[in-house]
Amino acid sequence: MSDLVPGDLWARLRRTTPARIGLGRVGHAPPLGEVLQFQLAHARARDAVHAALDGEALAAELAPMPVLQVESAAPDRATYLRRPDLGRRLSVRSAALLAEAGERCDVVFVIGDGLSATGVQAGAARLLRACAEALGDLVIGPVVIAQQARVALGDPIGEALGGRVCVMIIGERPGLTVPDSLGIYLTFAPRTGRSDAERNCISNIHGAGGLSPAEAAATLGWLLREALRRQLSGVDLKDDQTAGLLPSTQGPQPA
């Protein structure tokens, strides 16, 4: 009969999801502990959005890879959040810097702070190394660290550096369960004016039950080689690889 007790039922369900379910009530309000946990999660999400990326520290993590640091046309974080369009364009200084550094390559990696500099600071270097290892036979250009960056900022960067493909690793919009998730956006033949429909996205990369760096790198490797082979990316390039090609993070499955 204990399985029919509502409290036991919610306890079992809560172990299967990070969602806030079965919180209970104290009078007309949720329990104080749940309210405080919600406020803490909200504060972490806000911090992730407003935090500044330490580009120098990230560049040091990436050594000895060659690194360039650029910024978008958004002069500060407040403007970046109000004006998404500025986050898609390079600043004048950055455009001039990249014009001098242009060199043909297969892949240009861009690390953008996006909407979670916290996630980028914590995991972008490890994710990029995993991706680079999965593309070992391709020519990889200098890594570009971009401040106040939106996804489309990878287009003028990839174009300036002569990349056949641009891979943008960027902080995803934080939620109330995961404030440090990363996303990867792949664009074949990057150039200013590319639409979101011309990109492939690998999302939800984080350590709290999300996609692991190894799994994300394996998916990127397959998509990128197919993009180069078929000369396209986006909605016309489907991730239809065999599931068994991805490294498993789970234990043996029951027969």
C-alpha atoms as a PDB file:
ATOM      1  CA  MET A   1       0.000   0.000   0.000  1.00  0.00           C
ATOM      2  CA  SER A   2       2.951   2.351   0.472  1.00  0.00           C
ATOM      3  CA  ASP A   3       3.221   2.784  -3.318  1.00  0.00           C
ATOM      4  CA  LEU A   4      -0.182   4.505  -3.257  1.00  0.00           C
ATOM      5  CA  VAL A   5       0.919   7.271  -0.911  1.00  0.00           C
ATOM      6  CA  PRO A   6       1.054  10.520  -2.968  1.00  0.00           C
ATOM      7  CA  GLY A   7       4.308  11.637  -1.344  1.00  0.00           C
ATOM      8  CA  ASP A   8       6.055   8.431  -2.378  1.00  0.00           C
ATOM      9  CA  LEU A   9       4.696   8.730  -5.920  1.00  0.00           C
ATOM     10  CA  TRP A  10       6.058  12.250  -6.397  1.00  0.00           C
ATOM     11  CA  ALA A  11       9.418  11.257  -4.930  1.00  0.00           C
ATOM     12  CA  ARG A  12       9.791   8.527  -7.556  1.00  0.00           C
ATOM     13  CA  LEU A  13       8.762  10.850 -10.384  1.00  0.00           C
ATOM     14  CA  ARG A  14      11.120  13.627  -9.271  1.00  0.00           C
ATOM     15  CA  ARG A  15      14.050  11.243  -9.639  1.00  0.00           C
ATOM     16  CA  THR A  16      13.279  10.918 -13.370  1.00  0.00           C
ATOM     17  CA  THR A  17      13.237  14.616 -14.328  1.00  0.00           C
ATOM     18  CA  PRO A  18      14.866  17.932 -13.418  1.00  0.00           C
ATOM     19  CA  ALA A  19      11.439  19.599 -13.768  1.00  0.00           C
ATOM     20  CA  ARG A  20       9.862  21.044 -10.638  1.00  0.00           C
ATOM     21  CA  ILE A  21       6.954  18.692  -9.984  1.00  0.00           C
ATOM     22  CA  GLY A  22       5.038  17.699  -6.887  1.00  0.00           C
ATOM     23  CA  LEU A  23       6.410  20.562  -4.826  1.00  0.00           C
ATOM     24  CA  GLY A  24       3.627  20.473  -2.280  1.00  0.00           C
ATOM     25  CA  ARG A  25       2.079  23.396  -0.406  1.00  0.00           C
ATOM     26  CA  VAL A  26       2.263  25.114   2.933  1.00  0.00           C
ATOM     27  CA  GLY A  27      -1.070  26.848   3.247  1.00  0.00           C
ATOM     28  CA  HIS A  28      -1.599  28.698  -0.040  1.00  0.00           C
ATOM     29  CA  ALA A  29       2.084  28.853  -1.004  1.00  0.00           C
ATOM     30  CA  PRO A  30       4.833  26.428  -2.062  1.00  0.00           C
ATOM     31  CA  PRO A  31       7.207  25.296   0.696  1.00  0.00           C
ATOM     32  CA  LEU A  32       9.877  27.854   1.606  1.00  0.00           C
ATOM     33  CA  GLY A  33      12.687  25.527   0.571  1.00  0.00           C
ATOM     34  CA  GLU A  34      11.246  25.163  -2.953  1.00  0.00           C
ATOM     35  CA  VAL A  35      10.773  28.927  -3.254  1.00  0.00           C
ATOM     36  CA  LEU A  36      14.409  29.521  -2.298  1.00  0.00           C
ATOM     37  CA  GLN A  37      15.619  26.863  -4.742  1.00  0.00           C
ATOM     38  CA  PHE A  38      13.621  28.533  -7.531  1.00  0.00           C
ATOM     39  CA  GLN A  39      15.067  31.945  -6.678  1.00  0.00           C
ATOM     40  CA  LEU A  40      18.587  30.492  -6.680  1.00  0.00           C
ATOM     41  CA  ALA A  41      18.053  28.893 -10.102  1.00  0.00           C
ATOM     42  CA  HIS A  42      16.664  32.173 -11.447  1.00  0.00           C
ATOM     43  CA  ALA A  43      19.667  34.089 -10.088  1.00  0.00           C
ATOM     44  CA  ARG A  44      22.095  31.628 -11.704  1.00  0.00           C
ATOM     45  CA  ALA A  45      20.319  32.010 -15.046  1.00  0.00           C
ATOM     46  CA  ARG A  46      20.500  35.801 -14.824  1.00  0.00           C
ATOM     47  CA  ASP A  47      24.172  35.666 -13.861  1.00  0.00           C
ATOM     48  CA  ALA A  48      24.905  33.447 -16.869  1.00  0.00           C
ATOM     49  CA  VAL A  49      23.276  35.966 -19.219  1.00  0.00           C
ATOM     50  CA  HIS A  50      25.006  39.032 -17.762  1.00  0.00           C
ATOM     51  CA  ALA A  51      28.433  37.530 -16.985  1.00  0.00           C
ATOM     52  CA  ALA A  52      31.450  38.696 -18.995  1.00  0.00           C
ATOM     53  CA  LEU A  53      33.604  36.151 -20.796  1.00  0.00           C
ATOM     54  CA  ASP A  54      37.284  36.153 -19.776  1.00  0.00           C
ATOM     55  CA  GLY A  55      38.812  35.862 -23.228  1.00  0.00           C
ATOM     56  CA  GLU A  56      42.400  35.800 -21.999  1.00  0.00           C
ATOM     57  CA  ALA A  57      41.738  32.901 -19.637  1.00  0.00           C
ATOM     58  CA  LEU A  58      39.943  30.974 -22.383  1.00  0.00           C
ATOM     59  CA  ALA A  59      42.791  31.623 -24.831  1.00  0.00           C
ATOM     60  CA  ALA A  60      45.257  30.278 -22.249  1.00  0.00           C
ATOM     61  CA  GLU A  61      43.152  27.108 -21.924  1.00  0.00           C
ATOM     62  CA  LEU A  62      43.302  26.624 -25.690  1.00  0.00           C
ATOM     63  CA  ALA A  63      47.097  26.935 -25.950  1.00  0.00           C
ATOM     64  CA  PRO A  64      49.031  26.027 -28.044  1.00  0.00           C
ATOM     65  CA  MET A  65      46.217  26.510 -30.589  1.00  0.00           C
ATOM     66  CA  PRO A  66      46.491  29.863 -32.414  1.00  0.00           C
ATOM     67  CA  VAL A  67      43.757  32.195 -31.141  1.00  0.00           C
ATOM     68  CA  LEU A  68      42.289  35.473 -32.370  1.00  0.00           C
ATOM     69  CA  GLN A  69      40.029  37.599 -30.188  1.00  0.00           C
ATOM     70  CA  VAL A  70      37.295  39.742 -31.718  1.00  0.00           C
ATOM     71  CA  GLU A  71      34.083  41.445 -30.705  1.00  0.00           C
ATOM     72  CA  SER A  72      30.780  42.228 -32.349  1.00  0.00           C
ATOM     73  CA  ALA A  73      29.440  45.691 -33.102  1.00  0.00           C
ATOM     74  CA  ALA A  74      27.644  45.694 -29.717  1.00  0.00           C
ATOM     75  CA  PRO A  75      29.814  47.933 -27.499  1.00  0.00           C
ATOM     76  CA  ASP A  76      28.697  46.429 -24.174  1.00  0.00           C
ATOM     77  CA  ARG A  77      26.533  43.696 -22.649  1.00  0.00           C
ATOM     78  CA  ALA A  78      23.486  45.874 -22.109  1.00  0.00           C
ATOM     79  CA  THR A  79      23.457  46.929 -25.771  1.00  0.00           C
ATOM     80  CA  TYR A  80      24.062  43.350 -26.865  1.00  0.00           C
ATOM     81  CA  LEU A  81      20.955  42.157 -25.017  1.00  0.00           C
ATOM     82  CA  ARG A  82      18.799  44.972 -26.424  1.00  0.00           C
ATOM     83  CA  ARG A  83      20.169  44.873 -29.999  1.00  0.00           C
ATOM     84  CA  PRO A  84      20.569  41.314 -31.327  1.00  0.00           C
ATOM     85  CA  ASP A  85      21.374  42.733 -34.770  1.00  0.00           C
ATOM     86  CA  LEU A  86      24.627  44.283 -33.495  1.00  0.00           C
ATOM     87  CA  GLY A  87      25.703  40.919 -32.120  1.00  0.00           C
ATOM     88  CA  ARG A  88      25.613  39.522 -35.659  1.00  0.00           C
ATOM     89  CA  ARG A  89      28.082  42.076 -37.076  1.00  0.00           C
ATOM     90  CA  LEU A  90      31.803  42.520 -36.450  1.00  0.00           C
ATOM     91  CA  SER A  91      33.189  45.696 -34.972  1.00  0.00           C
ATOM     92  CA  VAL A  92      35.332  47.806 -37.296  1.00  0.00           C
ATOM     93  CA  ARG A  93      38.497  46.810 -35.419  1.00  0.00           C
ATOM     94  CA  SER A  94      37.680  43.113 -35.593  1.00  0.00           C
ATOM     95  CA  ALA A  95      36.840  43.209 -39.289  1.00  0.00           C
ATOM     96  CA  ALA A  96      40.227  44.817 -39.995  1.00  0.00           C
ATOM     97  CA  LEU A  97      42.016  42.253 -37.820  1.00  0.00           C
ATOM     98  CA  LEU A  98      40.449  39.313 -39.619  1.00  0.00           C
ATOM     99  CA  ALA A  99      41.090  40.839 -43.041  1.00  0.00           C
ATOM    100  CA  GLU A 100      44.814  40.662 -42.295  1.00  0.00           C
ATOM    101  CA  ALA A 101      44.638  37.107 -40.923  1.00  0.00           C
ATOM    102  CA  GLY A 102      42.719  35.496 -43.776  1.00  0.00           C
ATOM    103  CA  GLU A 103      44.008  32.098 -44.889  1.00  0.00           C
ATOM    104  CA  ARG A 104      42.189  29.232 -46.554  1.00  0.00           C
ATOM    105  CA  CYS A 105      41.231  26.307 -44.315  1.00  0.00           C
ATOM    106  CA  ASP A 106      38.608  23.594 -44.030  1.00  0.00           C
ATOM    107  CA  VAL A 107      37.148  24.582 -40.683  1.00  0.00           C
ATOM    108  CA  VAL A 108      36.997  27.813 -38.692  1.00  0.00           C
ATOM    109  CA  PHE A 109      36.048  27.362 -35.040  1.00  0.00           C
ATOM    110  CA  VAL A 110      34.433  30.350 -33.331  1.00  0.00           C
ATOM    111  CA  ILE A 111      33.742  30.402 -29.594  1.00  0.00           C
ATOM    112  CA  GLY A 112      31.063  32.986 -28.812  1.00  0.00           C
ATOM    113  CA  ASP A 113      29.858  34.020 -25.362  1.00  0.00           C
ATOM    114  CA  GLY A 114      26.230  34.070 -26.522  1.00  0.00           C
ATOM    115  CA  LEU A 115      23.692  34.055 -23.709  1.00  0.00           C
ATOM    116  CA  SER A 116      25.772  32.010 -21.259  1.00  0.00           C
ATOM    117  CA  ALA A 117      29.347  33.176 -20.821  1.00  0.00           C
ATOM    118  CA  THR A 118      29.295  30.967 -17.714  1.00  0.00           C
ATOM    119  CA  GLY A 119      28.821  27.857 -19.824  1.00  0.00           C
ATOM    120  CA  VAL A 120      31.451  28.935 -22.334  1.00  0.00           C
ATOM    121  CA  GLN A 121      34.011  29.642 -19.634  1.00  0.00           C
ATOM    122  CA  ALA A 122      33.386  26.285 -17.992  1.00  0.00           C
ATOM    123  CA  GLY A 123      33.238  23.943 -20.961  1.00  0.00           C
ATOM    124  CA  ALA A 124      34.020  25.463 -24.376  1.00  0.00           C
ATOM    125  CA  ALA A 125      37.743  24.628 -24.386  1.00  0.00           C
ATOM    126  CA  ARG A 126      37.127  20.958 -23.598  1.00  0.00           C
ATOM    127  CA  LEU A 127      34.348  20.767 -26.190  1.00  0.00           C
ATOM    128  CA  LEU A 128      36.498  22.392 -28.876  1.00  0.00           C
ATOM    129  CA  ARG A 129      39.376  19.985 -28.248  1.00  0.00           C
ATOM    130  CA  ALA A 130      37.014  17.029 -28.567  1.00  0.00           C
ATOM    131  CA  CYS A 131      35.662  18.445 -31.838  1.00  0.00           C
ATOM    132  CA  ALA A 132      39.140  19.139 -33.217  1.00  0.00           C
ATOM    133  CA  GLU A 133      40.194  15.549 -32.474  1.00  0.00           C
ATOM    134  CA  ALA A 134      37.161  14.289 -34.399  1.00  0.00           C
ATOM    135  CA  LEU A 135      38.312  16.353 -37.424  1.00  0.00           C
ATOM    136  CA  GLY A 136      41.990  15.434 -37.245  1.00  0.00           C
ATOM    137  CA  ASP A 137      42.515  15.034 -41.013  1.00  0.00           C
ATOM    138  CA  LEU A 138      41.045  18.460 -41.868  1.00  0.00           C
ATOM    139  CA  VAL A 139      42.847  21.814 -41.931  1.00  0.00           C
ATOM    140  CA  ILE A 140      41.649  23.873 -38.968  1.00  0.00           C
ATOM    141  CA  GLY A 141      42.208  27.629 -38.961  1.00  0.00           C
ATOM    142  CA  PRO A 142      42.909  29.807 -35.938  1.00  0.00           C
ATOM    143  CA  VAL A 143      40.315  29.634 -33.184  1.00  0.00           C
ATOM    144  CA  VAL A 144      38.334  32.858 -32.866  1.00  0.00           C
ATOM    145  CA  ILE A 145      37.015  33.955 -29.464  1.00  0.00           C
ATOM    146  CA  ALA A 146      34.143  36.382 -29.999  1.00  0.00           C
ATOM    147  CA  GLN A 147      32.663  38.680 -27.351  1.00  0.00           C
ATOM    148  CA  GLN A 148      29.027  39.878 -27.449  1.00  0.00           C
ATOM    149  CA  ALA A 149      28.394  37.278 -30.142  1.00  0.00           C
ATOM    150  CA  ARG A 150      25.243  35.938 -31.727  1.00  0.00           C
ATOM    151  CA  VAL A 151      25.269  32.794 -33.868  1.00  0.00           C
ATOM    152  CA  ALA A 152      25.366  34.672 -37.173  1.00  0.00           C
ATOM    153  CA  LEU A 153      28.610  36.431 -36.191  1.00  0.00           C
ATOM    154  CA  GLY A 154      30.323  33.251 -37.358  1.00  0.00           C
ATOM    155  CA  ASP A 155      29.365  34.072 -40.960  1.00  0.00           C
ATOM    156  CA  PRO A 156      31.624  37.123 -41.506  1.00  0.00           C
ATOM    157  CA  ILE A 157      34.358  35.487 -39.383  1.00  0.00           C
ATOM    158  CA  GLY A 158      34.348  32.287 -41.419  1.00  0.00           C
ATOM    159  CA  GLU A 159      34.207  34.262 -44.650  1.00  0.00           C
ATOM    160  CA  ALA A 160      37.156  36.481 -43.685  1.00  0.00           C
ATOM    161  CA  LEU A 161      39.301  33.502 -42.686  1.00  0.00           C
ATOM    162  CA  GLY A 162      38.483  31.535 -45.829  1.00  0.00           C
ATOM    163  CA  GLY A 163      36.843  28.623 -44.063  1.00  0.00           C
ATOM    164  CA  ARG A 164      34.910  26.076 -46.070  1.00  0.00           C
ATOM    165  CA  VAL A 165      32.821  25.490 -42.936  1.00  0.00           C
ATOM    166  CA  CYS A 166      32.301  27.618 -39.822  1.00  0.00           C
ATOM    167  CA  VAL A 167      31.633  25.893 -36.510  1.00  0.00           C
ATOM    168  CA  MET A 168      30.274  28.227 -33.841  1.00  0.00           C
ATOM    169  CA  ILE A 169      30.399  27.012 -30.221  1.00  0.00           C
ATOM    170  CA  ILE A 170      28.184  29.338 -28.219  1.00  0.00           C
ATOM    171  CA  GLY A 171      26.497  29.678 -24.831  1.00  0.00           C
ATOM    172  CA  GLU A 172      22.823  28.778 -25.034  1.00  0.00           C
ATOM    173  CA  ARG A 173      20.034  30.721 -23.352  1.00  0.00           C
ATOM    174  CA  PRO A 174      20.025  29.455 -19.734  1.00  0.00           C
ATOM    175  CA  GLY A 175      17.009  27.821 -18.187  1.00  0.00           C
ATOM    176  CA  LEU A 176      15.976  27.279 -14.599  1.00  0.00           C
ATOM    177  CA  THR A 177      17.594  23.835 -14.506  1.00  0.00           C
ATOM    178  CA  VAL A 178      20.693  24.315 -16.693  1.00  0.00           C
ATOM    179  CA  PRO A 179      22.456  27.721 -16.784  1.00  0.00           C
ATOM    180  CA  ASP A 180      25.625  26.510 -18.542  1.00  0.00           C
ATOM    181  CA  SER A 181      24.542  24.666 -21.693  1.00  0.00           C
ATOM    182  CA  LEU A 182      26.465  24.999 -24.970  1.00  0.00           C
ATOM    183  CA  GLY A 183      25.345  24.728 -28.569  1.00  0.00           C
ATOM    184  CA  ILE A 184      27.222  24.084 -31.824  1.00  0.00           C
ATOM    185  CA  TYR A 185      26.150  25.666 -35.117  1.00  0.00           C
ATOM    186  CA  LEU A 186      27.637  24.410 -38.399  1.00  0.00           C
ATOM    187  CA  THR A 187      27.436  26.542 -41.562  1.00  0.00           C
ATOM    188  CA  PHE A 188      28.819  25.475 -44.943  1.00  0.00           C
ATOM    189  CA  ALA A 189      30.400  28.257 -47.061  1.00  0.00           C
ATOM    190  CA  PRO A 190      29.902  30.927 -44.370  1.00  0.00           C
ATOM    191  CA  ARG A 191      29.203  34.443 -45.586  1.00  0.00           C
ATOM    192  CA  THR A 192      27.231  37.432 -44.391  1.00  0.00           C
ATOM    193  CA  GLY A 193      23.535  36.955 -45.056  1.00  0.00           C
ATOM    194  CA  ARG A 194      23.278  33.231 -44.378  1.00  0.00           C
ATOM    195  CA  SER A 195      19.942  32.299 -42.793  1.00  0.00           C
ATOM    196  CA  ASP A 196      19.336  30.053 -39.791  1.00  0.00           C
ATOM    197  CA  ALA A 197      17.808  27.491 -42.154  1.00  0.00           C
ATOM    198  CA  GLU A 198      21.289  27.074 -43.663  1.00  0.00           C
ATOM    199  CA  ARG A 199      22.815  25.891 -40.375  1.00  0.00           C
ATOM    200  CA  ASN A 200      22.863  22.640 -38.443  1.00  0.00           C
ATOM    201  CA  CYS A 201      22.551  22.810 -34.674  1.00  0.00           C
ATOM    202  CA  ILE A 202      23.764  20.446 -31.956  1.00  0.00           C
ATOM    203  CA  SER A 203      22.325  21.681 -28.664  1.00  0.00           C
ATOM    204  CA  ASN A 204      22.001  20.849 -24.983  1.00  0.00           C
ATOM    205  CA  ILE A 205      25.705  20.125 -24.428  1.00  0.00           C
ATOM    206  CA  HIS A 206      26.408  20.146 -20.702  1.00  0.00           C
ATOM    207  CA  GLY A 207      27.372  17.928 -17.803  1.00  0.00           C
ATOM    208  CA  ALA A 208      24.035  17.717 -15.982  1.00  0.00           C
ATOM    209  CA  GLY A 209      22.405  15.020 -18.068  1.00  0.00           C
ATOM    210  CA  GLY A 210      22.918  16.707 -21.428  1.00  0.00           C
ATOM    211  CA  LEU A 211      24.983  15.703 -24.460  1.00  0.00           C
ATOM    212  CA  SER A 212      28.616  15.003 -23.564  1.00  0.00           C
ATOM    213  CA  PRO A 213      31.531  16.661 -25.445  1.00  0.00           C
ATOM    214  CA  ALA A 214      32.442  13.269 -26.954  1.00  0.00           C
ATOM    215  CA  GLU A 215      28.907  12.695 -28.239  1.00  0.00           C
ATOM    216  CA  ALA A 216      28.656  16.236 -29.598  1.00  0.00           C
ATOM    217  CA  ALA A 217      32.042  15.889 -31.326  1.00  0.00           C
ATOM    218  CA  ALA A 218      31.024  12.600 -32.955  1.00  0.00           C
ATOM    219  CA  THR A 219      27.830  14.161 -34.291  1.00  0.00           C
ATOM    220  CA  LEU A 220      29.698  17.236 -35.520  1.00  0.00           C
ATOM    221  CA  GLY A 221      32.318  15.084 -37.264  1.00  0.00           C
ATOM    222  CA  TRP A 222      29.650  13.222 -39.205  1.00  0.00           C
ATOM    223  CA  LEU A 223      27.674  16.345 -40.118  1.00  0.00           C
ATOM    224  CA  LEU A 224      30.752  18.314 -41.139  1.00  0.00           C
ATOM    225  CA  ARG A 225      32.103  15.611 -43.452  1.00  0.00           C
ATOM    226  CA  GLU A 226      28.683  15.252 -45.026  1.00  0.00           C
ATOM    227  CA  ALA A 227      28.478  19.032 -45.436  1.00  0.00           C
ATOM    228  CA  LEU A 228      31.810  19.052 -47.279  1.00  0.00           C
ATOM    229  CA  ARG A 229      30.838  16.056 -49.396  1.00  0.00           C
ATOM    230  CA  ARG A 230      27.412  17.379 -50.334  1.00  0.00           C
ATOM    231  CA  GLN A 231      28.387  21.088 -50.385  1.00  0.00           C
ATOM    232  CA  LEU A 232      25.544  22.227 -48.134  1.00  0.00           C
ATOM    233  CA  SER A 233      24.295  22.524 -44.566  1.00  0.00           C
ATOM    234  CA  GLY A 234      21.028  23.303 -42.821  1.00  0.00           C
ATOM    235  CA  VAL A 235      17.593  21.840 -43.412  1.00  0.00           C
ATOM    236  CA  ASP A 236      18.822  19.834 -46.417  1.00  0.00           C
ATOM    237  CA  LEU A 237      21.424  18.023 -44.300  1.00  0.00           C
ATOM    238  CA  LYS A 238      19.772  15.563 -41.915  1.00  0.00           C
ATOM    239  CA  ASP A 239      21.560  13.784 -39.081  1.00  0.00           C
ATOM    240  CA  ASP A 240      20.643  10.274 -40.239  1.00  0.00           C
ATOM    241  CA  GLN A 241      23.813   8.506 -39.173  1.00  0.00           C
ATOM    242  CA  THR A 242      23.482   5.085 -37.586  1.00  0.00           C
ATOM    243  CA  ALA A 243      22.855   5.440 -33.851  1.00  0.00           C
ATOM    244  CA  GLY A 244      25.502   2.802 -33.133  1.00  0.00           C
ATOM    245  CA  LEU A 245      28.240   5.125 -34.426  1.00  0.00           C
ATOM    246  CA  LEU A 246      27.840   7.408 -31.400  1.00  0.00           C
ATOM    247  CA  PRO A 247      29.852   6.534 -28.288  1.00  0.00           C
ATOM    248  CA  SER A 248      27.527   5.369 -25.532  1.00  0.00           C
ATOM    249  CA  THR A 249      27.578   6.999 -22.116  1.00  0.00           C
ATOM    250  CA  GLN A 250      25.263   4.390 -20.637  1.00  0.00           C
ATOM    251  CA  GLY A 251      25.982   1.012 -19.167  1.00  0.00           C
ATOM    252  CA  PRO A 252      25.001  -2.334 -20.708  1.00  0.00           C
ATOM    253  CA  GLN A 253      21.396  -2.502 -21.799  1.00  0.00           C
ATOM    254  CA  PRO A 254      19.079  -5.321 -20.712  1.00  0.00           C
ATOM    255  CA  ALA A 255      18.594  -8.118 -23.220  1.00  0.00           C
END
